[in-house]
C-alpha cells in the first residue's frame, strides 16, 4: 500500500531493477502461513505493484529486470515458499512481457554468490558448492551486475530467466 507514495517523485524510466528478498524457512510439514504470506506479498505482489505504479512513467523501450532466485529451480529443505515464489517470478516476467509490450521484462536468478555478506562466514559451504561448479569458481557480485546490464541493454532479450551460478545448477 505504501509503494505508490514512496515512488511518487520518480520521473521517466528507461531501466528499472526490482529486487526484494524475504528469507524464510518454511516446510510443508511445519508450514507457517504468516511467513508464507509475507514472502509472497513482498516479492510477487510487491514487484507487480511497483510495475503497476511506474508503468505510466516507463518509456516504450524501457527494460525491467526482476530478481528471483535459484531456489525456484534448485529447492532445498525449508525452501517451500521461497521455491514457489521464485518459480512464480519466472512466469510473471513472461506475462508482463506480453501484456506490457513493447517494454521488456527479464528476470535474473542468482545462485550462491560467493562474495556476498550472506556467505562470508560459511567457507565450508562455499567450498562444497565451488567444487561442484563446472567452471571451478563461484559467481560473484560483479557477474550479477554484468548480467543485469546485459538484460537491460540487449534489445533482443525479452521474457528470459537468466541463471547466474557458474553452472552449479548443472551438477
Protein backbone atom coordinates (compact mmCIF):
# COMPACT_ATOMS: atom_id res chain seq x y z
CA UNK A 1 0.00 0.00 0.00
CA UNK A 2 2.96 2.35 0.51
CA UNK A 3 4.72 1.78 -2.81
CA UNK A 4 2.91 4.47 -4.82
CA UNK A 5 3.70 7.15 -2.25
CA UNK A 6 7.31 6.09 -1.93
CA UNK A 7 7.81 6.27 -5.70
CA UNK A 8 5.78 9.44 -6.32
CA UNK A 9 8.84 11.60 -7.11
CA UNK A 10 10.37 9.20 -9.65
CA UNK A 11 10.38 10.61 -13.18
CA UNK A 12 10.73 8.93 -16.58
CA UNK A 13 12.15 5.42 -16.56
CA UNK A 14 14.43 3.76 -19.09
CA UNK A 15 15.67 0.95 -16.83
CA UNK A 16 14.03 -0.48 -13.74
CA UNK A 17 15.64 -3.05 -11.45
CA UNK A 18 13.36 -4.58 -8.81
CA UNK A 19 14.97 -6.54 -6.01
CA UNK A 20 13.39 -7.91 -2.85
CA UNK A 21 14.24 -10.77 -0.56
CA UNK A 22 12.28 -12.41 2.17
CA UNK A 23 14.09 -15.43 3.50
CA UNK A 24 12.02 -17.89 5.40
CA UNK A 25 12.49 -21.47 6.38
CA UNK A 26 9.11 -22.96 5.64
CA UNK A 27 8.43 -26.64 5.14
CA UNK A 28 5.14 -28.23 4.17
CA UNK A 29 5.20 -30.27 7.39
CA UNK A 30 5.61 -27.17 9.59
CA UNK A 31 4.02 -24.58 7.32
CA UNK A 32 3.87 -21.06 8.71
CA UNK A 33 1.10 -19.26 6.86
CA UNK A 34 2.12 -15.79 8.05
CA UNK A 35 5.71 -16.23 6.83
CA UNK A 36 4.46 -17.61 3.53
CA UNK A 37 2.01 -14.75 3.03
CA UNK A 38 4.75 -12.21 3.71
CA UNK A 39 7.18 -13.83 1.24
CA UNK A 40 4.54 -13.91 -1.49
CA UNK A 41 3.48 -10.34 -0.78
CA UNK A 42 7.00 -8.91 -0.67
CA UNK A 43 8.15 -10.44 -3.93
CA UNK A 44 5.18 -11.20 -6.17
CA UNK A 45 2.62 -8.62 -5.10
CA UNK A 46 5.31 -6.04 -4.39
CA UNK A 47 7.02 -6.49 -7.76
CA UNK A 48 3.71 -6.29 -9.60
CA UNK A 49 2.67 -3.18 -7.71
CA UNK A 50 5.98 -1.44 -8.47
CA UNK A 51 5.46 -2.12 -12.19
CA UNK A 52 1.82 -1.01 -11.93
CA UNK A 53 2.76 2.26 -10.20
CA UNK A 54 5.66 3.01 -12.54
CA UNK A 55 4.06 1.91 -15.82
CA UNK A 56 2.90 5.35 -16.96
CA UNK A 57 6.45 6.67 -16.42
CA UNK A 58 8.20 3.97 -18.45
CA UNK A 59 9.45 4.79 -21.91
CA UNK A 60 8.18 2.45 -24.63
CA UNK A 61 11.67 0.98 -24.96
CA UNK A 62 12.15 0.59 -21.20
CA UNK A 63 13.69 -2.55 -19.76
CA UNK A 64 12.74 -4.10 -16.44
CA UNK A 65 14.85 -6.69 -14.62
CA UNK A 66 13.33 -8.53 -11.69
CA UNK A 67 15.29 -10.64 -9.19
CA UNK A 68 14.15 -14.15 -8.49
CA UNK A 69 16.48 -16.78 -7.12
CA UNK A 70 17.77 -20.24 -7.79
CA UNK A 71 15.51 -21.96 -5.23
CA UNK A 72 12.84 -21.97 -7.95
CA UNK A 73 14.98 -24.48 -9.85
CA UNK A 74 17.03 -25.99 -7.04
CA UNK A 75 14.91 -26.37 -3.91
CA UNK A 76 16.40 -27.26 -0.55
CA UNK A 77 14.85 -28.37 2.76
CA UNK A 78 12.87 -25.47 4.17
CA UNK A 79 12.58 -23.63 0.86
CA UNK A 80 8.93 -24.44 0.17
CA UNK A 81 7.70 -20.85 -0.01
CA UNK A 82 10.89 -19.42 -1.50
CA UNK A 83 10.84 -22.11 -4.20
CA UNK A 84 7.21 -21.33 -5.08
CA UNK A 85 7.79 -17.57 -5.13
CA UNK A 86 10.93 -17.75 -7.28
CA UNK A 87 9.20 -20.18 -9.64
CA UNK A 88 6.37 -17.67 -9.97
CA UNK A 89 8.84 -14.88 -10.81
CA UNK A 90 9.87 -16.98 -13.82
CA UNK A 91 6.30 -16.93 -15.11
CA UNK A 92 5.48 -13.39 -14.04
CA UNK A 93 8.06 -11.79 -16.33
CA UNK A 94 6.60 -13.66 -19.29
CA UNK A 95 3.08 -12.38 -18.74
CA UNK A 96 4.40 -8.85 -18.16
CA UNK A 97 6.45 -9.02 -21.38
CA UNK A 98 3.35 -9.99 -23.35
CA UNK A 99 0.83 -7.75 -21.60
CA UNK A 100 3.01 -4.64 -21.39
CA UNK A 101 4.86 -4.85 -24.71
CA UNK A 102 6.96 -3.21 -26.04
CA UNK A 103 8.51 -2.80 -22.57
CA UNK A 104 10.93 -5.68 -21.99
CA UNK A 105 10.82 -7.81 -18.83
CA UNK A 106 13.51 -10.27 -17.78
CA UNK A 107 14.46 -11.99 -14.54
CA UNK A 108 17.78 -12.84 -13.03
CA UNK A 109 18.13 -15.83 -10.72
CA UNK A 110 21.38 -15.74 -8.76
CA UNK A 111 22.64 -18.87 -7.10
CA UNK A 112 25.18 -18.73 -4.31
CA UNK A 113 27.17 -15.56 -4.91
CA UNK A 114 30.41 -16.22 -3.08
CA UNK A 115 31.50 -12.69 -2.28
CA UNK A 116 28.29 -11.51 -0.60
CA UNK A 117 27.89 -10.90 3.15
CA UNK A 118 25.34 -13.72 3.45
CA UNK A 119 28.08 -16.25 2.75
CA UNK A 120 31.18 -14.67 4.32
CA UNK A 121 31.03 -16.85 7.44
CA UNK A 122 30.31 -20.10 5.60
CA UNK A 123 33.56 -21.03 3.84
CA UNK A 124 32.86 -24.77 4.04
CA UNK A 125 29.55 -24.35 2.20
CA UNK A 126 31.18 -22.13 -0.41
CA UNK A 127 33.96 -24.64 -1.00
CA UNK A 128 31.49 -27.50 -1.41
CA UNK A 129 29.48 -25.50 -3.95
CA UNK A 130 32.62 -24.33 -5.77
CA UNK A 131 33.81 -27.94 -6.02
CA UNK A 132 30.52 -28.89 -7.73
CA UNK A 133 30.57 -25.96 -10.15
CA UNK A 134 31.80 -26.93 -13.63
CA UNK A 135 33.93 -23.79 -14.01
CA UNK A 136 35.51 -24.28 -10.59
CA UNK A 137 34.52 -20.82 -9.40
CA UNK A 138 31.55 -19.25 -7.71
CA UNK A 139 29.60 -16.47 -9.35
CA UNK A 140 30.44 -13.03 -7.96
CA UNK A 141 28.59 -9.80 -7.39
CA UNK A 142 30.35 -8.43 -10.48
CA UNK A 143 28.93 -11.34 -12.52
CA UNK A 144 25.43 -10.44 -11.34
CA UNK A 145 25.93 -6.75 -12.17
CA UNK A 146 27.21 -7.66 -15.66
CA UNK A 147 24.19 -9.92 -16.21
CA UNK A 148 21.78 -7.15 -15.21
CA UNK A 149 23.49 -4.75 -17.62
CA UNK A 150 23.15 -7.35 -20.38
CA UNK A 151 19.43 -7.82 -19.70
CA UNK A 152 18.90 -4.06 -19.60
CA UNK A 153 20.73 -3.31 -22.82
CA UNK A 154 20.21 -6.24 -25.19
CA UNK A 155 17.01 -5.40 -27.05
CA UNK A 156 16.79 -8.95 -28.40
CA UNK A 157 16.21 -10.38 -24.91
CA UNK A 158 12.68 -10.41 -23.53
CA UNK A 159 10.88 -12.78 -21.19
CA UNK A 160 14.15 -14.51 -20.27
CA UNK A 161 15.06 -16.10 -16.94
CA UNK A 162 18.82 -15.86 -16.59
CA UNK A 163 20.57 -18.05 -14.02
CA UNK A 164 23.84 -16.71 -12.60
CA UNK A 165 25.54 -19.54 -10.75
CA UNK A 166 28.65 -20.54 -12.67
CA UNK A 167 26.88 -23.72 -13.81
CA UNK A 168 26.27 -25.05 -10.29
CA UNK A 169 22.68 -25.95 -11.19
CA UNK A 170 24.05 -28.46 -13.71
CA UNK A 171 25.59 -30.65 -11.02
